[in-house]
Protein backbone atom coordinates (compact mmCIF):
# COMPACT_ATOMS: atom_id res chain seq x y z
CA MET A 1 0.00 0.00 0.00
CA HIS A 2 2.97 2.34 0.52
CA ASN A 3 4.71 1.56 -2.78
CA ASN A 4 3.45 4.51 -4.86
CA THR A 5 4.70 7.55 -2.97
CA ILE A 6 4.17 11.09 -4.18
CA THR A 7 7.41 12.76 -5.16
CA VAL A 8 8.07 16.28 -3.98
CA PRO A 9 9.87 18.52 -6.49
CA GLU A 10 13.66 18.60 -6.25
CA LYS A 11 14.85 20.97 -3.54
CA GLY A 12 16.03 24.31 -4.85
CA THR A 13 13.94 24.23 -8.03
CA TYR A 14 11.24 26.76 -8.79
CA GLN A 15 8.51 24.14 -8.36
CA TRP A 16 9.97 23.20 -4.97
CA GLN A 17 10.00 26.85 -3.88
CA LEU A 18 6.32 27.18 -4.84
CA PHE A 19 5.46 23.93 -3.10
CA ASP A 20 7.38 24.94 0.02
CA TYR A 21 5.75 28.38 0.12
CA TRP A 22 2.20 27.14 -0.39
CA SER A 23 2.54 24.16 1.93
CA ASP A 24 3.75 26.57 4.64
CA GLU A 25 0.79 28.79 3.82
CA PHE A 26 -1.53 25.80 4.14
CA ARG A 27 -0.06 24.83 7.51
CA THR A 28 -0.60 28.38 8.78
CA THR A 29 -4.03 29.10 7.36
CA ASN A 30 -5.36 25.58 6.77
CA ALA A 31 -7.15 26.93 3.71
CA ASP A 32 -8.30 24.49 1.01
CA HIS A 33 -7.29 26.79 -1.83
CA SER A 34 -3.70 26.95 -0.57
CA ALA A 35 -3.42 23.18 -0.65
CA TYR A 36 -4.81 23.06 -4.15
CA ILE A 37 -2.41 25.73 -5.37
CA ALA A 38 0.57 24.06 -3.70
CA LEU A 39 -0.15 20.67 -5.20
CA ASN A 40 -1.04 22.11 -8.59
CA PHE A 41 2.10 24.23 -8.89
CA ALA A 42 4.28 21.39 -7.67
CA GLY A 43 2.87 19.19 -10.42
CA VAL A 44 1.78 16.44 -8.02
CA LEU A 45 -1.99 16.94 -8.10
CA ASP A 46 -2.67 13.95 -10.36
CA ALA A 47 -0.52 11.65 -8.22
CA CYS A 48 -2.21 12.97 -5.07
CA ARG A 49 -5.65 12.46 -6.57
CA ALA A 50 -4.90 8.86 -7.55
CA LYS A 51 -3.35 7.95 -4.20
CA PHE A 52 -6.06 9.74 -2.21
CA GLN A 53 -8.86 8.02 -4.14
CA ALA A 54 -7.20 4.61 -3.80
CA LEU A 55 -6.82 5.03 -0.03
CA ILE A 56 -10.39 6.26 0.40
CA LYS A 57 -11.67 3.32 -1.67
CA HIS A 58 -9.66 0.87 0.44
CA HIS A 59 -11.01 2.25 3.71
CA ARG A 60 -14.61 2.52 2.45
CA GLN A 61 -14.54 -1.19 1.63
CA HIS A 62 -13.90 -1.93 5.30
CA VAL A 63 -16.17 0.64 7.00
CA ALA A 64 -19.02 -1.86 7.41
CA ASP A 65 -16.72 -4.32 9.20
CA GLN A 66 -17.96 -4.87 12.77
CA VAL A 67 -14.49 -5.28 14.26
CA CYS A 68 -12.48 -2.47 12.69
CA GLY A 69 -15.06 -0.29 10.92
CA GLN A 70 -14.52 2.62 13.30
CA ARG A 71 -10.79 2.56 12.64
CA HIS A 72 -11.41 2.79 8.90
CA SER A 73 -13.89 5.65 9.42
CA ARG A 74 -11.24 7.54 11.40
CA ALA A 75 -8.71 6.85 8.64
CA ILE A 76 -11.09 8.35 6.07
CA ALA A 77 -11.57 11.43 8.26
CA ARG A 78 -7.80 11.83 8.61
CA LEU A 79 -7.30 11.46 4.86
CA GLN A 80 -9.93 14.11 4.17
CA ALA A 81 -8.13 16.48 6.56
CA THR A 82 -4.79 16.15 4.76
CA MET A 83 -3.43 18.62 2.26
CA SER A 84 -4.28 16.29 -0.64
CA GLY A 85 -7.76 15.77 0.78
CA ALA A 86 -8.26 19.50 1.04
CA ALA A 87 -7.05 19.95 -2.52
CA MET A 88 -9.38 17.26 -3.84
CA SER A 89 -12.27 18.88 -1.98
CA TYR A 90 -11.40 22.30 -3.35
CA GLU A 91 -11.02 20.93 -6.87
CA SER A 92 -14.42 19.21 -6.78
CA CYS A 93 -16.08 22.44 -5.53
CA PHE A 94 -14.26 24.45 -8.19
CA ARG A 95 -15.51 22.15 -10.97
CA GLN A 96 -19.11 22.36 -9.75
CA HIS A 97 -19.26 26.14 -10.29
């Protein structure tokens, strides 16, 4: 499950500077648009979307499980609170308008 990691742009490049700036902005303001901009400028939005959707799908398959369903629900909530989750949320709202 951890074999397809998202690569951060090479340190010192322009994309890395943008990613670093906007990820700092996201940590300070926790704004969805900042996460979207950071991931988009860094060129990792597609990889984030694929990984995020795969993880959500995995956890949703196990939510109904009596033994560990709550754990999977918490995992989904944590994923949705991440920077990639915020970006996916922002992107879906942006496309609806």
